[in-house]
Protein backbone atom coordinates (compact mmCIF):
# COMPACT_ATOMS: atom_id res chain seq x y z
CA MET A 1 -6.69 10.41 -7.53
CA HIS A 2 -3.44 12.11 -6.45
CA ASP A 3 -3.26 15.87 -6.28
CA GLU A 4 -0.77 18.53 -5.32
CA HIS A 5 -2.46 19.00 -1.94
CA ASP A 6 -1.99 15.37 -0.92
CA ILE A 7 0.27 14.70 2.04
CA GLN A 8 3.83 13.59 1.37
CA LEU A 9 5.49 11.09 3.69
CA SER A 10 9.07 9.90 3.96
CA TYR A 11 10.19 6.28 4.05
CA ARG A 12 10.65 6.52 7.83
CA GLU A 13 7.11 7.85 8.27
CA ILE A 14 5.68 5.03 6.14
CA ILE A 15 7.67 2.47 8.13
CA ARG A 16 6.15 3.83 11.36
CA ALA A 17 2.70 3.37 9.82
CA CYS A 18 3.60 -0.29 9.18
CA ASP A 19 4.47 -1.03 12.83
CA HIS A 20 8.14 -0.44 12.00
CA ASP A 21 8.23 -3.52 9.72
CA ALA A 22 10.48 -2.45 6.83
CA ASP A 23 10.78 -6.00 5.45
CA TRP A 24 6.98 -6.29 5.17
CA LEU A 25 6.78 -2.92 3.39
CA LEU A 26 9.46 -3.95 0.89
CA ARG A 27 7.57 -7.20 0.15
CA ILE A 28 4.36 -5.19 -0.40
CA ILE A 29 6.17 -2.86 -2.80
CA GLU A 30 7.65 -5.85 -4.66
CA ALA A 31 4.14 -7.33 -4.94
CA ASP A 32 2.96 -4.05 -6.59
CA VAL A 33 0.47 -3.12 -3.88
CA ILE A 34 1.78 0.42 -4.35
CA SER A 35 3.91 1.90 -7.12
CA ILE A 36 6.90 4.04 -6.31
CA SER A 37 9.61 5.77 -8.31
CA GLY A 38 13.14 4.79 -7.48
CA ALA A 39 14.41 3.14 -4.32
CA PRO A 40 11.88 2.73 -1.50
CA GLU A 41 14.18 4.52 0.95
CA ALA A 42 14.34 7.60 -1.30
CA ALA A 43 10.70 7.64 -2.41
CA THR A 44 8.04 10.03 -1.21
CA TYR A 45 4.72 8.43 -0.30
CA SER A 46 1.26 9.97 -0.73
CA GLY A 47 -1.76 9.84 1.50
CA TYR A 48 -3.36 7.46 -1.01
CA GLN A 49 -0.38 5.13 -0.72
CA LEU A 50 -0.51 5.36 3.07
CA ALA A 51 -4.19 4.38 3.05
CA ARG A 52 -3.43 1.49 0.69
CA ILE A 53 -0.52 0.32 2.85
CA ARG A 54 -2.67 0.44 5.97
CA ARG A 55 -5.41 -1.54 4.23
CA ALA A 56 -2.82 -4.08 3.06
CA HIS A 57 -1.44 -4.27 6.60
CA ARG A 58 -4.88 -5.10 8.01
CA ILE A 59 -5.48 -7.77 5.35
CA SER A 60 -2.03 -9.27 5.89
CA ARG A 61 -2.51 -9.35 9.67
CA ASP A 62 -6.15 -10.47 9.78
CA PHE A 63 -5.80 -13.24 7.21
CA GLU A 64 -2.13 -14.04 7.83
CA ALA A 65 -1.68 -13.42 4.11
CA SER A 66 1.66 -13.30 2.32
CA ALA A 67 2.55 -10.19 0.33
CA PRO A 68 1.46 -11.76 -3.01
CA ALA A 69 -1.82 -12.96 -1.46
CA THR A 70 -2.40 -9.52 0.04
CA ALA A 71 -1.79 -7.93 -3.37
CA LEU A 72 -4.30 -10.32 -4.97
CA ILE A 73 -6.93 -9.62 -2.30
CA LEU A 74 -6.51 -5.87 -2.81
CA GLN A 75 -6.76 -6.26 -6.58
CA LEU A 76 -10.00 -8.21 -6.20
CA LEU A 77 -11.38 -5.62 -3.77
CA ASP A 78 -10.47 -2.84 -6.23
CA GLU A 79 -12.28 -4.67 -9.03
CA LEU A 80 -15.32 -5.18 -6.79
CA ASP A 81 -15.35 -1.47 -5.92
CA ALA A 82 -15.16 -0.57 -9.62
CA LEU A 83 -18.05 -2.91 -10.45
CA ARG A 84 -20.14 -1.40 -7.68
CA LYS A 85 -19.47 2.06 -9.07
CA GLY A 86 -20.53 0.89 -12.52
CA GLN A 87 -17.17 1.35 -14.20
């Protein structure tokens, strides 16, 4: 899913993608919506993670969902996608 040609984003770039809401991003990371190595401020983020963060941001905004609820919704959507693909 991740390859060497994937984009790499800094913490500041990811924050911009989250409407400059660092607290929300940290809650999403704590809820395991994305996995990172080390401190969020020092991590490098992939295009896959950016897409996942943006999806989480839409869910959080549209449904006024907390970070744990957003994580659960994404997990259920992932499982639904896997079932549809026959995995």
